[in-house]
Protein backbone atom coordinates (compact mmCIF):
# COMPACT_ATOMS: atom_id res chain seq x y z
CA MET A 1 140.93 32.72 142.57
CA SER A 2 138.90 29.83 143.84
CA GLU A 3 138.18 28.31 147.22
CA TYR A 4 141.15 25.95 146.99
CA ILE A 5 144.16 25.83 149.29
CA TYR A 6 147.34 25.87 147.24
CA LYS A 7 150.47 24.14 148.53
CA ILE A 8 153.57 26.16 147.74
CA GLY A 9 157.33 25.67 147.75
CA GLU A 10 159.37 22.67 148.81
CA ASP A 11 160.29 21.53 152.28
CA ASN A 12 164.01 21.10 151.55
CA PHE A 13 165.76 23.43 153.95
CA PRO A 14 167.02 22.92 157.53
CA ILE A 15 164.41 22.75 160.30
CA ASP A 16 166.67 24.48 162.83
CA ASN A 17 167.01 27.61 160.64
CA ARG A 18 163.35 28.38 159.89
CA GLU A 19 161.27 31.49 160.25
CA TYR A 20 157.50 31.41 159.96
CA CYS A 21 155.08 33.84 158.38
CA ARG A 22 151.31 34.01 158.39
CA LEU A 23 149.44 36.89 156.79
CA LEU A 24 145.84 37.72 156.09
CA THR A 25 146.13 38.89 152.48
CA THR A 26 144.70 38.28 149.06
CA GLU A 27 148.19 38.54 147.56
CA GLY A 28 149.28 34.93 148.26
CA LEU A 29 150.04 34.18 144.62
CA ARG A 30 152.07 37.37 144.14
CA ILE A 31 154.10 36.65 147.32
CA THR A 32 154.70 33.05 146.15
CA ILE A 33 155.96 34.21 142.77
CA ALA A 34 158.27 36.76 144.39
CA LEU A 35 159.67 34.13 146.77
CA VAL A 36 160.37 31.77 143.88
CA ALA A 37 161.95 34.55 141.78
CA GLY A 38 164.11 35.57 144.72
CA GLY A 39 165.38 32.02 145.23
CA VAL A 40 164.01 31.81 148.78
CA PRO A 41 163.66 28.23 150.11
CA PHE A 42 160.11 28.04 151.53
CA HIS A 43 157.17 25.74 152.08
CA GLY A 44 153.56 26.50 152.96
CA ASP A 45 150.11 27.18 151.56
CA PHE A 46 147.74 29.99 150.63
CA ASP A 47 144.12 30.52 149.74
CA LYS A 48 142.14 33.57 148.66
CA GLY A 49 142.44 35.32 152.04
CA ARG A 50 145.68 34.25 153.71
CA ILE A 51 149.19 32.86 153.22
CA SER A 52 151.19 30.80 155.65
CA PHE A 53 154.73 29.57 155.06
CA ALA A 54 158.06 28.68 156.62
CA TYR A 55 161.29 29.88 155.03
CA ASP A 56 165.04 29.70 155.47
CA ALA A 57 165.97 32.40 158.02
CA ASP A 58 169.03 33.34 155.95
CA TYR A 59 166.57 35.02 153.54
CA LYS A 60 164.76 37.08 156.19
CA ASP A 61 165.60 40.46 154.60
CA THR A 62 164.37 39.28 151.19
CA VAL A 63 161.11 37.96 152.61
CA GLU A 64 160.49 41.10 154.65
CA GLU A 65 161.04 43.32 151.60
CA ILE A 66 158.66 41.22 149.50
CA ILE A 67 155.95 41.24 152.16
CA SER A 68 156.41 44.94 152.72
CA LYS A 69 156.01 45.74 149.02
CA VAL A 70 152.90 43.64 148.64
CA THR A 71 151.09 44.53 151.85
CA SER A 72 152.31 47.73 153.54
CA GLU A 73 150.96 51.23 153.32
CA GLU A 74 154.52 52.43 152.71
CA TYR A 75 154.36 50.98 149.22
CA ALA A 76 150.71 51.88 148.53
CA ALA A 77 151.74 54.81 146.28
CA LEU A 78 154.04 52.55 144.27
CA ARG A 79 151.29 49.95 143.84
CA LYS A 80 148.93 52.71 142.62
CA GLU A 81 151.54 54.05 140.16
CA ILE A 82 152.14 50.56 138.77
CA GLU A 83 148.41 50.08 138.17
CA GLU A 84 148.12 53.47 136.49
CA HIS A 85 151.11 53.17 134.17
CA LYS A 86 151.70 49.45 133.60
CA GLU A 87 150.01 49.17 130.20
CA ASN A 88 150.55 51.91 127.62
CA ASP A 89 152.68 54.28 129.66
CA CYS A 90 155.30 52.01 131.23
CA LEU A 91 158.17 54.30 130.05
CA TYR A 92 157.04 56.38 133.02
CA PHE A 93 159.27 54.06 135.10
CA LEU A 94 162.46 54.76 133.11
CA PRO A 95 163.99 56.93 135.90
CA THR A 96 163.32 54.18 138.44
CA VAL A 97 164.79 51.54 136.12
CA ALA A 98 167.89 53.69 135.52
CA ASN A 99 168.35 54.09 139.27
CA LEU A 100 168.05 50.32 139.85
CA LEU A 101 170.59 49.66 137.08
CA ARG A 102 172.88 52.34 138.56
CA MET A 103 173.03 54.32 135.36
CA THR A 104 171.84 57.75 134.36
CA GLU A 105 168.45 58.23 132.82
CA GLY A 106 170.13 59.85 129.78
CA THR A 107 172.25 56.75 129.20
CA LEU A 108 169.15 54.63 129.28
CA ARG A 109 167.29 56.98 126.92
CA CYS A 110 170.10 56.53 124.40
CA LYS A 111 169.19 52.83 124.13
CA PRO A 112 166.71 51.81 121.42
CA THR A 113 163.08 52.35 122.35
CA ASP A 114 162.29 48.63 122.31
CA ILE A 115 165.00 48.03 124.92
CA GLN A 116 163.65 50.86 127.05
CA LEU A 117 160.15 49.34 126.81
CA SER A 118 161.48 45.87 127.59
CA LEU A 119 163.25 47.17 130.70
CA CYS A 120 160.22 49.08 131.94
CA LYS A 121 157.91 46.14 131.25
CA ARG A 122 160.28 43.79 133.16
CA TYR A 123 160.25 46.26 136.07
CA VAL A 124 156.43 46.45 136.09
CA ASP A 125 156.22 42.64 135.97
CA ASN A 126 158.61 42.21 138.93
CA TRP A 127 158.12 45.32 141.11
CA TYR A 128 156.98 43.24 144.11
CA CYS A 129 160.19 41.21 144.22
CA ASP A 130 163.18 42.16 146.35
CA THR A 131 165.60 44.76 144.99
CA TYR A 132 168.35 42.27 144.12
CA THR A 133 165.97 40.11 142.07
CA ILE A 134 164.58 43.16 140.25
CA GLN A 135 168.12 44.27 139.41
CA GLN A 136 168.96 40.81 138.04
CA GLU A 137 165.79 40.77 135.95
CA LEU A 138 166.61 44.25 134.56
CA LYS A 139 170.19 43.23 133.75
CA ASP A 140 168.85 40.19 131.90
CA ALA A 141 166.46 42.41 129.94
CA LEU A 142 169.31 44.82 129.16
CA MET A 143 171.40 41.92 127.83
CA LEU A 144 168.35 40.76 125.82
CA ILE A 145 168.08 37.52 127.80
CA THR A 146 164.49 36.34 127.58
CA LYS A 147 162.66 34.17 130.06
CA PRO A 148 160.39 31.45 128.73
CA GLU A 149 156.74 31.66 129.73
CA LEU A 150 155.58 28.94 132.12
CA THR A 151 153.13 26.42 130.69
CA ASP A 152 149.85 25.84 132.52
CA SER A 153 151.15 22.57 133.95
CA GLU A 154 154.34 24.29 135.21
CA LYS A 155 152.22 26.98 136.87
CA ASN A 156 150.12 24.30 138.58
CA ILE A 157 153.26 22.50 139.81
CA ALA A 158 154.64 25.80 141.21
CA VAL A 159 151.61 26.15 143.46
CA GLY A 160 151.32 22.43 144.25
CA LYS A 161 148.27 21.65 142.09
CA ASP A 162 148.62 18.57 139.91
């Protein structure tokens, strides 16, 4: 990432119901993506070493889970596992995916291999989101609902860069 400060989110939620968050982290982009995926109303900015944003207090649990996953030592082992197995060995996460989908691992293994791979890949791509968002993403993958890739201009708009 560069030296720029990226504006994130939209300021379209009530002022009287805001919580504020400021973190020293290099994971500003990942947190921003998770907030957007989780449907959290927020507004703020980030650069290469910090993130600062206000969000709707009704989403406090979601925000805390996202921040915990991205920054805490509690999730350090998960982050390491994701890095180790995200490429060629993502079927490693099949038991976790089955648990999130509330089905047995055997039921999931009966699905075609490409669906198993799709589910595990979707999990690896969204592990830092809150649990509800991950479950929705996995259900979409199970139902073969695809998400279009963002164009470069859409990515720039998402982080407030024109």
